[in-house]
C-alpha cells in the first residue's frame, strides 16, 4: 500500500491491495500508515479506514465518504481534513452532523468510512501569487460596480457610484438575503439547517 497525491481532490489517496490481489485507490484517512490492514463490511474493529454500514458504527464516531443512497458510493464528506459525526440512530435512519454543522438523516444501511480524512493542513495553504490561481483555473474577480452597465446591473454611473438598487447577480437574480433555490425532496431529510447554529 502507498499514500499518493491526487491533483483532482484536496485529500490524499491510498493504494490498497485486496486479498485476491486486486489493487484500488481509496481516500486516505488520517492516521492510516503503509502496511496497515483495513476491512470493508461487518467488523467489530472501529479504526480509521474501515468501511461499514452506519448501523454498525457507534454514536460519536468520526466518519467520512458517506453514501446518501445504499450502493451508490460515497458522496459527501470527501474533502481534506473533513469528518462527520453520528449523533443519533433509530431502526431506519442515522442522524449525521456534517462539517457545515447541518444535521441530516441518512439510511442506516448506507456505508461510511471510519476516521477523518488526511491532509488536514490543506486549508492553511497559501496560494501565494495570482499566477498560481490562474494555473488552477481561477480567474480574477471583478466587482459589478466597476463594470459598465451592459455587463452588470450594478455597473455604470459617474465616478465611484453605489449599486443604487437591491443587490443583484450579473443575470438579474436577487443576490443577498433572498432565497433563489427551490427545495429538493431530499431537503425533508435535513433535521437542522447549516444556516441555523
N, C-alpha and C. Protein backbone atom coordinates (compact mmCIF):
# COMPACT_ATOMS: atom_id res chain seq x y z
N UNK A 1 0.84 -1.19 0.00
CA UNK A 1 0.00 0.00 0.00
C UNK A 1 0.88 1.25 0.00
N UNK A 2 0.43 2.28 -0.73
CA UNK A 2 1.17 3.54 -0.74
C UNK A 2 0.21 4.72 -0.64
N UNK A 3 0.72 5.85 -0.12
CA UNK A 3 -0.07 7.07 0.02
C UNK A 3 0.41 8.04 -1.04
N UNK A 4 -0.53 8.55 -1.85
CA UNK A 4 -0.17 9.36 -3.01
C UNK A 4 -0.96 10.67 -3.06
N UNK A 5 -0.42 11.62 -3.84
CA UNK A 5 -1.08 12.90 -4.10
C UNK A 5 -2.03 12.72 -5.27
N UNK A 6 -3.19 13.38 -5.20
CA UNK A 6 -4.15 13.34 -6.31
C UNK A 6 -4.48 14.77 -6.71
N UNK A 7 -4.19 15.17 -7.96
CA UNK A 7 -4.45 16.55 -8.37
C UNK A 7 -5.94 16.89 -8.48
N UNK A 8 -6.81 15.89 -8.47
CA UNK A 8 -8.24 16.12 -8.66
C UNK A 8 -9.01 16.33 -7.36
N UNK A 9 -8.32 16.29 -6.21
CA UNK A 9 -9.02 16.45 -4.93
C UNK A 9 -8.05 17.03 -3.90
N UNK A 10 -8.61 17.48 -2.77
CA UNK A 10 -7.77 18.09 -1.74
C UNK A 10 -7.19 17.04 -0.80
N UNK A 11 -7.89 15.93 -0.59
CA UNK A 11 -7.38 14.85 0.27
C UNK A 11 -6.38 13.99 -0.52
N UNK A 12 -5.51 13.30 0.20
CA UNK A 12 -4.60 12.35 -0.44
C UNK A 12 -5.35 11.05 -0.73
N UNK A 13 -4.74 10.17 -1.53
CA UNK A 13 -5.34 8.87 -1.81
C UNK A 13 -4.36 7.76 -1.40
N UNK A 14 -4.91 6.59 -1.14
CA UNK A 14 -4.08 5.45 -0.73
C UNK A 14 -4.35 4.29 -1.67
N UNK A 15 -3.28 3.64 -2.12
CA UNK A 15 -3.40 2.45 -2.96
C UNK A 15 -3.51 1.23 -2.04
N UNK A 16 -4.60 0.48 -2.20
CA UNK A 16 -4.89 -0.66 -1.33
C UNK A 16 -4.88 -1.94 -2.15
N UNK A 17 -4.26 -2.99 -1.61
CA UNK A 17 -4.28 -4.31 -2.27
C UNK A 17 -5.21 -5.22 -1.50
N UNK A 18 -6.21 -5.76 -2.20
CA UNK A 18 -7.17 -6.68 -1.59
C UNK A 18 -6.59 -8.08 -1.49
N UNK A 19 -7.27 -8.93 -0.73
CA UNK A 19 -6.77 -10.31 -0.53
C UNK A 19 -6.66 -11.09 -1.82
N UNK A 20 -7.54 -10.77 -2.79
CA UNK A 20 -7.50 -11.50 -4.07
C UNK A 20 -6.45 -10.94 -5.03
N UNK A 21 -5.68 -9.95 -4.56
CA UNK A 21 -4.60 -9.39 -5.38
C UNK A 21 -4.98 -8.14 -6.15
N UNK A 22 -6.28 -7.80 -6.18
CA UNK A 22 -6.72 -6.60 -6.90
C UNK A 22 -6.27 -5.35 -6.15
N UNK A 23 -5.86 -4.31 -6.92
CA UNK A 23 -5.42 -3.05 -6.31
C UNK A 23 -6.39 -1.94 -6.68
N UNK A 24 -6.72 -1.11 -5.67
CA UNK A 24 -7.62 0.02 -5.90
C UNK A 24 -7.21 1.19 -5.04
N UNK A 25 -7.66 2.39 -5.45
CA UNK A 25 -7.42 3.59 -4.65
C UNK A 25 -8.60 3.87 -3.73
N UNK A 26 -8.29 4.35 -2.52
CA UNK A 26 -9.33 4.85 -1.60
C UNK A 26 -8.90 6.23 -1.13
N UNK A 27 -9.83 6.99 -0.56
CA UNK A 27 -9.46 8.25 0.08
C UNK A 27 -8.65 7.92 1.33
N UNK A 28 -7.55 8.64 1.54
CA UNK A 28 -6.64 8.29 2.63
C UNK A 28 -7.10 8.89 3.95
N UNK A 29 -7.48 8.03 4.93
CA UNK A 29 -7.89 8.55 6.24
C UNK A 29 -6.66 8.97 7.05
N UNK A 30 -6.82 10.00 7.88
CA UNK A 30 -5.73 10.47 8.72
C UNK A 30 -5.34 9.36 9.70
N UNK A 31 -4.06 9.08 9.82
CA UNK A 31 -3.58 8.07 10.77
C UNK A 31 -3.35 6.71 10.15
N UNK A 32 -3.81 6.49 8.91
CA UNK A 32 -3.58 5.20 8.24
C UNK A 32 -2.18 5.20 7.64
N UNK A 33 -1.39 4.20 7.99
CA UNK A 33 0.00 4.14 7.53
C UNK A 33 0.20 3.00 6.54
N UNK A 34 1.30 3.06 5.80
CA UNK A 34 1.63 1.98 4.85
C UNK A 34 1.80 0.67 5.63
N UNK A 35 1.20 -0.39 5.12
CA UNK A 35 1.29 -1.69 5.78
C UNK A 35 0.12 -2.01 6.69
N UNK A 36 -0.73 -1.00 7.02
CA UNK A 36 -1.90 -1.24 7.86
C UNK A 36 -2.94 -2.06 7.10
N UNK A 37 -3.67 -2.91 7.83
CA UNK A 37 -4.77 -3.68 7.23
C UNK A 37 -6.08 -2.97 7.51
N UNK A 38 -6.94 -2.89 6.49
CA UNK A 38 -8.27 -2.30 6.67
C UNK A 38 -9.33 -3.29 6.21
N UNK A 39 -10.55 -3.12 6.73
CA UNK A 39 -11.65 -4.04 6.42
C UNK A 39 -12.84 -3.27 5.86
N UNK A 40 -13.57 -3.91 4.95
CA UNK A 40 -14.83 -3.37 4.44
C UNK A 40 -15.92 -4.39 4.72
N UNK A 41 -16.97 -3.97 5.41
CA UNK A 41 -18.05 -4.88 5.77
C UNK A 41 -18.24 -4.93 7.27
N UNK A 42 -18.97 -5.93 7.74
CA UNK A 42 -19.29 -6.04 9.17
C UNK A 42 -18.04 -6.44 9.96
N UNK A 43 -17.66 -5.61 10.91
CA UNK A 43 -16.49 -5.89 11.76
C UNK A 43 -16.66 -5.17 13.10
N UNK A 44 -15.99 -5.69 14.13
CA UNK A 44 -16.04 -5.06 15.45
C UNK A 44 -14.98 -3.98 15.61
N UNK A 45 -14.01 -3.95 14.67
CA UNK A 45 -12.89 -3.02 14.81
C UNK A 45 -13.25 -1.64 14.25
N UNK A 46 -13.36 -0.67 15.15
CA UNK A 46 -13.66 0.71 14.74
C UNK A 46 -12.33 1.44 14.64
N UNK A 47 -11.70 1.36 13.47
CA UNK A 47 -10.41 2.04 13.29
C UNK A 47 -10.37 2.72 11.93
N UNK A 48 -9.56 3.80 11.80
CA UNK A 48 -9.55 4.57 10.56
C UNK A 48 -9.31 3.71 9.32
N UNK A 49 -10.15 3.92 8.31
CA UNK A 49 -10.02 3.19 7.05
C UNK A 49 -11.03 2.08 6.88
N UNK A 50 -11.60 1.58 8.00
CA UNK A 50 -12.60 0.51 7.90
C UNK A 50 -13.92 1.09 7.38
N UNK A 51 -14.48 0.44 6.35
CA UNK A 51 -15.76 0.88 5.78
C UNK A 51 -16.85 -0.07 6.25
N UNK A 52 -17.92 0.50 6.78
CA UNK A 52 -19.02 -0.34 7.27
C UNK A 52 -20.34 0.42 7.22
N UNK A 53 -21.44 -0.33 7.43
CA UNK A 53 -22.75 0.30 7.43
C UNK A 53 -22.90 1.19 8.66
N UNK A 54 -23.69 2.25 8.51
CA UNK A 54 -23.89 3.19 9.62
C UNK A 54 -24.49 2.51 10.85
N UNK A 55 -25.30 1.47 10.64
CA UNK A 55 -25.92 0.78 11.78
C UNK A 55 -24.89 0.07 12.64
N UNK A 56 -23.69 -0.23 12.08
CA UNK A 56 -22.64 -0.94 12.82
C UNK A 56 -21.61 0.00 13.45
N UNK A 57 -21.75 1.31 13.19
CA UNK A 57 -20.79 2.28 13.72
C UNK A 57 -21.37 2.94 14.97
N UNK A 58 -20.62 2.98 16.10
CA UNK A 58 -21.15 3.55 17.34
C UNK A 58 -21.40 5.06 17.24
N UNK A 59 -22.30 5.56 18.09
CA UNK A 59 -22.56 7.00 18.16
C UNK A 59 -21.29 7.75 18.54
N UNK A 60 -21.12 8.95 18.01
CA UNK A 60 -19.97 9.78 18.36
C UNK A 60 -18.72 9.48 17.56
N UNK A 61 -18.79 8.51 16.64
CA UNK A 61 -17.61 8.14 15.84
C UNK A 61 -17.44 9.12 14.67
N UNK A 62 -16.20 9.54 14.42
CA UNK A 62 -15.90 10.37 13.25
C UNK A 62 -15.92 9.49 12.00
N UNK A 63 -16.61 9.96 10.95
CA UNK A 63 -16.71 9.19 9.70
C UNK A 63 -16.52 10.13 8.50
N UNK A 64 -16.26 9.54 7.33
CA UNK A 64 -16.17 10.33 6.09
C UNK A 64 -16.61 9.46 4.90
N UNK A 65 -16.64 10.07 3.71
CA UNK A 65 -17.02 9.37 2.48
C UNK A 65 -18.33 8.60 2.65
N UNK A 66 -19.40 9.34 2.96
CA UNK A 66 -20.69 8.74 3.34
C UNK A 66 -21.60 8.59 2.12
N UNK A 67 -22.20 7.42 2.00
CA UNK A 67 -23.21 7.19 0.96
C UNK A 67 -24.50 7.91 1.35
N UNK A 68 -25.22 8.45 0.36
CA UNK A 68 -26.55 9.02 0.62
C UNK A 68 -27.63 8.02 0.23
N UNK A 69 -27.30 7.15 -0.72
CA UNK A 69 -28.23 6.11 -1.17
C UNK A 69 -27.47 4.78 -1.18
N UNK A 70 -28.05 3.70 -0.60
CA UNK A 70 -27.33 2.43 -0.50
C UNK A 70 -26.80 1.94 -1.85
N UNK A 71 -25.52 1.60 -1.89
CA UNK A 71 -24.90 1.04 -3.08
C UNK A 71 -24.42 2.06 -4.10
N UNK A 72 -24.67 3.36 -3.86
CA UNK A 72 -24.30 4.38 -4.85
C UNK A 72 -22.84 4.82 -4.71
N UNK A 73 -22.24 4.55 -3.57
CA UNK A 73 -20.86 5.01 -3.33
C UNK A 73 -20.85 6.31 -2.55
N UNK A 74 -19.73 6.60 -1.92
CA UNK A 74 -19.62 7.80 -1.07
C UNK A 74 -19.82 9.08 -1.85
N UNK A 75 -20.63 10.00 -1.29
CA UNK A 75 -20.93 11.25 -1.98
C UNK A 75 -20.60 12.49 -1.15
N UNK A 76 -20.66 12.39 0.17
CA UNK A 76 -20.42 13.58 0.99
C UNK A 76 -19.28 13.35 1.98
N UNK A 77 -18.72 14.44 2.47
CA UNK A 77 -17.58 14.48 3.41
C UNK A 77 -16.37 13.77 2.78
N UNK A 78 -15.85 14.39 1.70
CA UNK A 78 -14.73 13.80 0.95
C UNK A 78 -13.54 14.76 0.83
N UNK A 79 -13.64 15.96 1.41
CA UNK A 79 -12.58 16.97 1.30
C UNK A 79 -11.51 16.78 2.36
N UNK A 80 -10.32 17.35 2.11
CA UNK A 80 -9.18 17.20 3.02
C UNK A 80 -9.51 17.62 4.45
N UNK A 81 -9.17 16.75 5.40
CA UNK A 81 -9.33 17.06 6.82
C UNK A 81 -10.75 17.03 7.34
N UNK A 82 -11.72 16.68 6.49
CA UNK A 82 -13.12 16.74 6.92
C UNK A 82 -13.59 15.44 7.57
N UNK A 83 -14.59 15.57 8.44
CA UNK A 83 -15.22 14.40 9.06
C UNK A 83 -16.61 14.79 9.52
N UNK A 84 -17.48 13.80 9.63
CA UNK A 84 -18.82 13.98 10.17
C UNK A 84 -18.94 13.10 11.41
N UNK A 85 -19.99 13.33 12.20
CA UNK A 85 -20.18 12.57 13.44
C UNK A 85 -21.60 12.02 13.48
N UNK A 86 -21.74 10.75 13.89
CA UNK A 86 -23.07 10.17 14.07
C UNK A 86 -23.60 10.63 15.43
N UNK A 87 -24.73 11.36 15.44
CA UNK A 87 -25.25 11.91 16.70
C UNK A 87 -26.47 11.14 17.22
N UNK A 88 -27.16 10.40 16.35
CA UNK A 88 -28.33 9.62 16.80
C UNK A 88 -28.63 8.55 15.76
N UNK A 89 -29.37 7.50 16.21
CA UNK A 89 -29.74 6.41 15.30
C UNK A 89 -31.08 5.84 15.71
N UNK A 90 -31.86 5.39 14.71
CA UNK A 90 -33.03 4.55 15.00
C UNK A 90 -32.99 3.38 14.03
N UNK A 91 -34.10 2.67 13.87
CA UNK A 91 -34.10 1.45 13.05
C UNK A 91 -33.90 1.75 11.56
N UNK A 92 -34.26 2.97 11.13
CA UNK A 92 -34.23 3.30 9.70
C UNK A 92 -33.14 4.29 9.32
N UNK A 93 -32.99 5.34 10.14
CA UNK A 93 -32.07 6.42 9.79
C UNK A 93 -31.04 6.69 10.88
N UNK A 94 -29.89 7.21 10.44
CA UNK A 94 -28.87 7.73 11.37
C UNK A 94 -28.81 9.24 11.16
N UNK A 95 -28.75 10.01 12.26
CA UNK A 95 -28.58 11.46 12.17
C UNK A 95 -27.09 11.77 12.17
N UNK A 96 -26.65 12.45 11.14
CA UNK A 96 -25.21 12.74 10.98
C UNK A 96 -24.98 14.24 10.99
N UNK A 97 -24.04 14.69 11.84
CA UNK A 97 -23.67 16.11 11.88
C UNK A 97 -22.51 16.31 10.91
N UNK A 98 -22.76 17.09 9.86
CA UNK A 98 -21.79 17.31 8.80
C UNK A 98 -20.82 18.44 9.16
N UNK A 99 -19.71 18.60 8.41
CA UNK A 99 -18.76 19.67 8.73
C UNK A 99 -19.38 21.07 8.72
N UNK A 100 -20.46 21.27 7.95
CA UNK A 100 -21.14 22.57 7.89
C UNK A 100 -22.04 22.81 9.10
N UNK A 101 -22.11 21.85 10.03
CA UNK A 101 -22.98 21.85 11.23
C UNK A 101 -24.43 21.46 10.89
N UNK A 102 -24.69 21.14 9.62
CA UNK A 102 -26.01 20.62 9.25
C UNK A 102 -26.17 19.21 9.81
N UNK A 103 -27.36 18.91 10.33
CA UNK A 103 -27.67 17.55 10.79
C UNK A 103 -28.63 16.93 9.78
N UNK A 104 -28.26 15.78 9.25
CA UNK A 104 -29.03 15.17 8.16
C UNK A 104 -29.28 13.70 8.42
N UNK A 105 -30.46 13.22 8.02
CA UNK A 105 -30.80 11.80 8.16
C UNK A 105 -30.27 11.02 6.95
N UNK A 106 -29.60 9.89 7.23
CA UNK A 106 -29.09 9.00 6.17
C UNK A 106 -29.48 7.58 6.56
N UNK A 107 -29.86 6.77 5.58
CA UNK A 107 -30.27 5.39 5.83
C UNK A 107 -29.16 4.62 6.55
N UNK A 108 -29.54 3.80 7.54
CA UNK A 108 -28.54 3.05 8.33
C UNK A 108 -27.86 1.94 7.53
N UNK A 109 -28.39 1.60 6.33
CA UNK A 109 -27.73 0.57 5.51
C UNK A 109 -26.74 1.19 4.52
N UNK A 110 -26.57 2.52 4.57
CA UNK A 110 -25.55 3.19 3.75
C UNK A 110 -24.18 2.98 4.39
N UNK A 111 -23.16 2.91 3.56
CA UNK A 111 -21.79 2.72 4.03
C UNK A 111 -21.10 4.06 4.30
N UNK A 112 -20.17 4.05 5.24
CA UNK A 112 -19.29 5.19 5.50
C UNK A 112 -17.94 4.63 5.95
N UNK A 113 -16.90 5.44 5.87
CA UNK A 113 -15.57 5.03 6.30
C UNK A 113 -15.24 5.69 7.63
N UNK A 114 -14.65 4.93 8.53
CA UNK A 114 -14.32 5.43 9.87
C UNK A 114 -13.11 6.35 9.79
N UNK A 115 -13.14 7.45 10.55
CA UNK A 115 -11.98 8.34 10.67
C UNK A 115 -12.16 9.66 9.96
N UNK A 116 -11.15 10.51 10.13
CA UNK A 116 -11.09 11.83 9.49
C UNK A 116 -10.18 11.72 8.28
N UNK A 117 -10.46 12.51 7.24
CA UNK A 117 -9.62 12.46 6.04
C UNK A 117 -8.27 13.13 6.26
N UNK A 118 -7.28 12.71 5.48
CA UNK A 118 -5.91 13.21 5.62
C UNK A 118 -5.74 14.61 5.04
N UNK A 119 -4.51 15.11 5.08
CA UNK A 119 -4.14 16.43 4.55
C UNK A 119 -4.88 17.55 5.27
N UNK A 120 -4.89 17.49 6.61
CA UNK A 120 -5.63 18.44 7.44
C UNK A 120 -5.13 19.88 7.23
N UNK A 121 -3.84 20.04 6.92
CA UNK A 121 -3.27 21.38 6.76
C UNK A 121 -3.62 22.05 5.44
N UNK A 122 -4.44 21.42 4.60
CA UNK A 122 -4.76 21.98 3.28
C UNK A 122 -5.37 23.38 3.38
N UNK A 123 -6.25 23.61 4.36
CA UNK A 123 -6.93 24.90 4.46
C UNK A 123 -5.98 26.03 4.88
N UNK A 124 -4.80 25.68 5.40
CA UNK A 124 -3.82 26.68 5.82
C UNK A 124 -2.87 27.06 4.68
N UNK A 125 -2.97 26.36 3.56
CA UNK A 125 -2.06 26.58 2.45
C UNK A 125 -2.34 27.92 1.77
N UNK A 126 -1.28 28.69 1.52
CA UNK A 126 -1.42 29.97 0.82
C UNK A 126 -1.15 29.76 -0.66
N UNK A 127 -2.01 30.32 -1.51
CA UNK A 127 -1.81 30.19 -2.95
C UNK A 127 -0.56 30.96 -3.37
N UNK A 128 -0.31 32.12 -2.74
CA UNK A 128 0.98 32.79 -2.91
C UNK A 128 1.03 33.86 -3.98
N UNK A 129 0.51 33.57 -5.16
CA UNK A 129 0.56 34.58 -6.23
C UNK A 129 -0.59 34.37 -7.21
N UNK A 130 -0.90 35.41 -7.95
CA UNK A 130 -2.03 35.37 -8.88
C UNK A 130 -1.83 34.30 -9.95
N UNK A 131 -0.57 34.11 -10.37
CA UNK A 131 -0.28 33.15 -11.44
C UNK A 131 -0.67 31.73 -11.06
N UNK A 132 -0.51 31.39 -9.77
CA UNK A 132 -0.86 30.03 -9.36
C UNK A 132 -2.39 29.84 -9.38
N UNK A 133 -3.12 30.91 -9.04
CA UNK A 133 -4.58 30.86 -9.16
C UNK A 133 -4.99 30.61 -10.60
N UNK A 134 -4.32 31.28 -11.53
CA UNK A 134 -4.65 31.12 -12.94
C UNK A 134 -4.35 29.70 -13.41
N UNK A 135 -3.26 29.11 -12.91
CA UNK A 135 -2.93 27.73 -13.28
C UNK A 135 -3.99 26.76 -12.77
N UNK A 136 -4.66 27.15 -11.67
CA UNK A 136 -5.72 26.31 -11.11
C UNK A 136 -7.08 26.60 -11.75
N UNK A 137 -7.10 27.51 -12.74
CA UNK A 137 -8.35 27.80 -13.44
C UNK A 137 -9.20 28.86 -12.77
N UNK A 138 -8.65 29.57 -11.77
CA UNK A 138 -9.41 30.62 -11.08
C UNK A 138 -9.11 31.96 -11.74
N UNK A 139 -10.14 32.64 -12.26
CA UNK A 139 -9.96 33.91 -12.95
C UNK A 139 -10.18 35.08 -11.98
N UNK A 140 -9.72 36.29 -12.34
CA UNK A 140 -9.88 37.44 -11.44
C UNK A 140 -11.35 37.74 -11.14
N UNK A 141 -11.60 38.25 -9.93
CA UNK A 141 -12.96 38.60 -9.51
C UNK A 141 -13.15 40.11 -9.68
N UNK A 142 -14.04 40.51 -10.58
CA UNK A 142 -14.30 41.93 -10.83
C UNK A 142 -15.64 42.29 -10.20
N UNK A 143 -15.66 43.39 -9.43
CA UNK A 143 -16.91 43.85 -8.79
C UNK A 143 -17.88 44.37 -9.85
N UNK A 144 -19.18 44.13 -9.60
CA UNK A 144 -20.21 44.60 -10.53
C UNK A 144 -20.20 46.11 -10.70
N UNK A 145 -19.95 46.87 -9.59
CA UNK A 145 -19.99 48.35 -9.68
C UNK A 145 -18.81 48.90 -10.49
N UNK A 146 -17.79 48.06 -10.75
CA UNK A 146 -16.65 48.51 -11.54
C UNK A 146 -16.84 48.24 -13.03
N UNK A 147 -17.96 47.56 -13.38
CA UNK A 147 -18.22 47.22 -14.78
C UNK A 147 -19.07 48.31 -15.45
N UNK A 148 -19.25 48.17 -16.77
CA UNK A 148 -20.15 49.08 -17.47
C UNK A 148 -21.58 48.52 -17.39
N UNK A 149 -22.60 49.36 -17.59
CA UNK A 149 -23.98 48.90 -17.34
C UNK A 149 -24.45 47.78 -18.25
N UNK A 150 -23.79 47.56 -19.37
CA UNK A 150 -24.18 46.45 -20.24
C UNK A 150 -23.71 45.11 -19.72
N UNK A 151 -22.73 45.13 -18.81
CA UNK A 151 -22.15 43.87 -18.32
C UNK A 151 -22.73 43.44 -16.98
N UNK A 152 -23.29 44.41 -16.21
CA UNK A 152 -23.79 44.08 -14.87
C UNK A 152 -24.83 45.12 -14.44
N UNK A 153 -25.91 44.68 -13.74
CA UNK A 153 -26.92 45.64 -13.27
C UNK A 153 -26.36 46.74 -12.36
N UNK A 154 -25.24 46.45 -11.65
CA UNK A 154 -24.65 47.45 -10.74
C UNK A 154 -23.73 48.42 -11.48
N UNK A 155 -23.48 48.19 -12.76
CA UNK A 155 -22.47 48.95 -13.50
C UNK A 155 -22.88 50.36 -13.85
N UNK A 156 -21.91 51.12 -14.37
CA UNK A 156 -22.17 52.46 -14.86
C UNK A 156 -22.19 53.52 -13.77
N UNK A 157 -22.69 54.70 -14.10
CA UNK A 157 -22.73 55.83 -13.16
C UNK A 157 -21.47 56.67 -13.27
N UNK A 158 -21.54 57.89 -12.77
CA UNK A 158 -20.38 58.78 -12.82
C UNK A 158 -19.56 58.62 -11.55
N UNK A 159 -18.26 58.44 -11.69
CA UNK A 159 -17.37 58.29 -10.53
C UNK A 159 -17.63 56.99 -9.79
N UNK A 160 -17.32 57.02 -8.49
CA UNK A 160 -17.50 55.79 -7.70
C UNK A 160 -18.92 55.75 -7.14
N UNK A 161 -19.86 55.35 -7.96
CA UNK A 161 -21.26 55.34 -7.53
C UNK A 161 -21.61 54.00 -6.89
N UNK A 162 -22.62 54.03 -6.01
CA UNK A 162 -23.06 52.80 -5.34
C UNK A 162 -23.97 52.01 -6.27
N UNK A 163 -24.47 50.87 -5.77
CA UNK A 163 -25.31 50.00 -6.58
C UNK A 163 -26.61 50.70 -6.98
N UNK A 164 -27.19 51.46 -6.03
CA UNK A 164 -28.41 52.20 -6.32
C UNK A 164 -29.63 51.32 -6.46
N UNK A 165 -29.56 50.09 -5.95
CA UNK A 165 -30.69 49.14 -6.05
C UNK A 165 -30.42 47.99 -5.09
N UNK A 166 -31.38 47.10 -4.95
CA UNK A 166 -31.13 45.88 -4.18
C UNK A 166 -30.10 45.06 -4.95
N UNK A 167 -29.12 44.46 -4.24
CA UNK A 167 -28.06 43.74 -4.95
C UNK A 167 -28.59 42.63 -5.85
N UNK A 168 -28.00 42.54 -7.02
CA UNK A 168 -28.41 41.52 -7.99
C UNK A 168 -27.17 40.81 -8.52
N UNK A 169 -27.37 39.61 -9.08
CA UNK A 169 -26.28 38.93 -9.77
C UNK A 169 -26.13 39.55 -11.15
N UNK A 170 -25.14 39.10 -11.88
CA UNK A 170 -24.90 39.58 -13.24
C UNK A 170 -26.11 39.34 -14.14
N UNK A 171 -26.89 38.30 -13.79
CA UNK A 171 -28.04 37.91 -14.62
C UNK A 171 -29.36 38.41 -14.06
N UNK A 172 -29.32 39.30 -13.05
CA UNK A 172 -30.52 39.96 -12.56
C UNK A 172 -31.24 39.26 -11.42
N UNK A 173 -30.70 38.11 -10.92
CA UNK A 173 -31.34 37.45 -9.78
C UNK A 173 -30.96 38.15 -8.49
N UNK A 174 -31.86 38.19 -7.48
CA UNK A 174 -31.50 38.80 -6.18
C UNK A 174 -30.26 38.13 -5.60
N UNK A 175 -29.32 38.95 -5.08
CA UNK A 175 -28.02 38.42 -4.68
C UNK A 175 -27.87 38.18 -3.19
N UNK A 176 -28.45 39.00 -2.34
CA UNK A 176 -28.21 38.84 -0.91
C UNK A 176 -29.52 38.83 -0.13
N UNK A 177 -29.66 37.83 0.73
CA UNK A 177 -30.80 37.81 1.64
C UNK A 177 -32.10 37.31 1.06
N UNK A 178 -32.09 36.86 -0.20
CA UNK A 178 -33.32 36.36 -0.83
C UNK A 178 -33.05 34.92 -1.30
N UNK A 179 -33.95 34.01 -0.97
CA UNK A 179 -33.78 32.62 -1.40
C UNK A 179 -34.11 32.50 -2.88
N UNK A 180 -33.21 31.86 -3.64
CA UNK A 180 -33.43 31.73 -5.09
C UNK A 180 -33.44 30.26 -5.51
N UNK A 181 -33.38 29.36 -4.54
CA UNK A 181 -33.30 27.93 -4.84
C UNK A 181 -34.55 27.21 -4.33
N UNK A 182 -35.10 26.33 -5.17
CA UNK A 182 -36.25 25.53 -4.75
C UNK A 182 -35.77 24.37 -3.88
N UNK A 183 -36.63 23.92 -2.97
CA UNK A 183 -36.29 22.77 -2.15
C UNK A 183 -36.35 21.48 -2.98
N UNK A 184 -35.40 20.57 -2.71
CA UNK A 184 -35.47 19.25 -3.32
C UNK A 184 -36.28 18.35 -2.38
N UNK A 185 -36.72 17.19 -2.87
CA UNK A 185 -37.47 16.28 -1.99
C UNK A 185 -36.60 15.83 -0.83
N UNK A 186 -35.28 15.73 -1.08
CA UNK A 186 -34.37 15.25 -0.04
C UNK A 186 -34.15 16.28 1.06
N UNK A 187 -34.61 17.53 0.84
CA UNK A 187 -34.49 18.55 1.89
C UNK A 187 -35.29 18.16 3.14
N UNK A 188 -36.26 17.27 2.96
CA UNK A 188 -37.06 16.79 4.11
C UNK A 188 -36.21 15.98 5.07
N UNK A 189 -35.04 15.48 4.60
CA UNK A 189 -34.16 14.68 5.45
C UNK A 189 -33.21 15.55 6.28
N UNK A 190 -33.23 16.86 6.05
CA UNK A 190 -32.38 17.76 6.83
C UNK A 190 -33.08 18.06 8.17
N UNK A 191 -32.44 17.65 9.27
CA UNK A 191 -33.01 17.84 10.60
C UNK A 191 -32.75 19.25 11.09
N UNK A 192 -31.50 19.73 10.87
CA UNK A 192 -31.11 21.08 11.30
C UNK A 192 -30.31 21.71 10.17
N UNK A 193 -30.74 22.87 9.69
CA UNK A 193 -30.08 23.53 8.58
C UNK A 193 -28.71 24.05 8.97
N UNK A 194 -27.81 24.14 8.01
CA UNK A 194 -26.48 24.68 8.26
C UNK A 194 -26.53 26.18 8.52
N UNK A 195 -27.66 26.81 8.19
CA UNK A 195 -27.79 28.25 8.40
C UNK A 195 -28.23 28.60 9.82
N UNK A 196 -28.66 27.60 10.59
CA UNK A 196 -29.12 27.84 11.97
C UNK A 196 -28.12 27.21 12.92
N UNK A 197 -27.44 28.04 13.74
CA UNK A 197 -26.42 27.50 14.66
C UNK A 197 -26.89 27.66 16.10
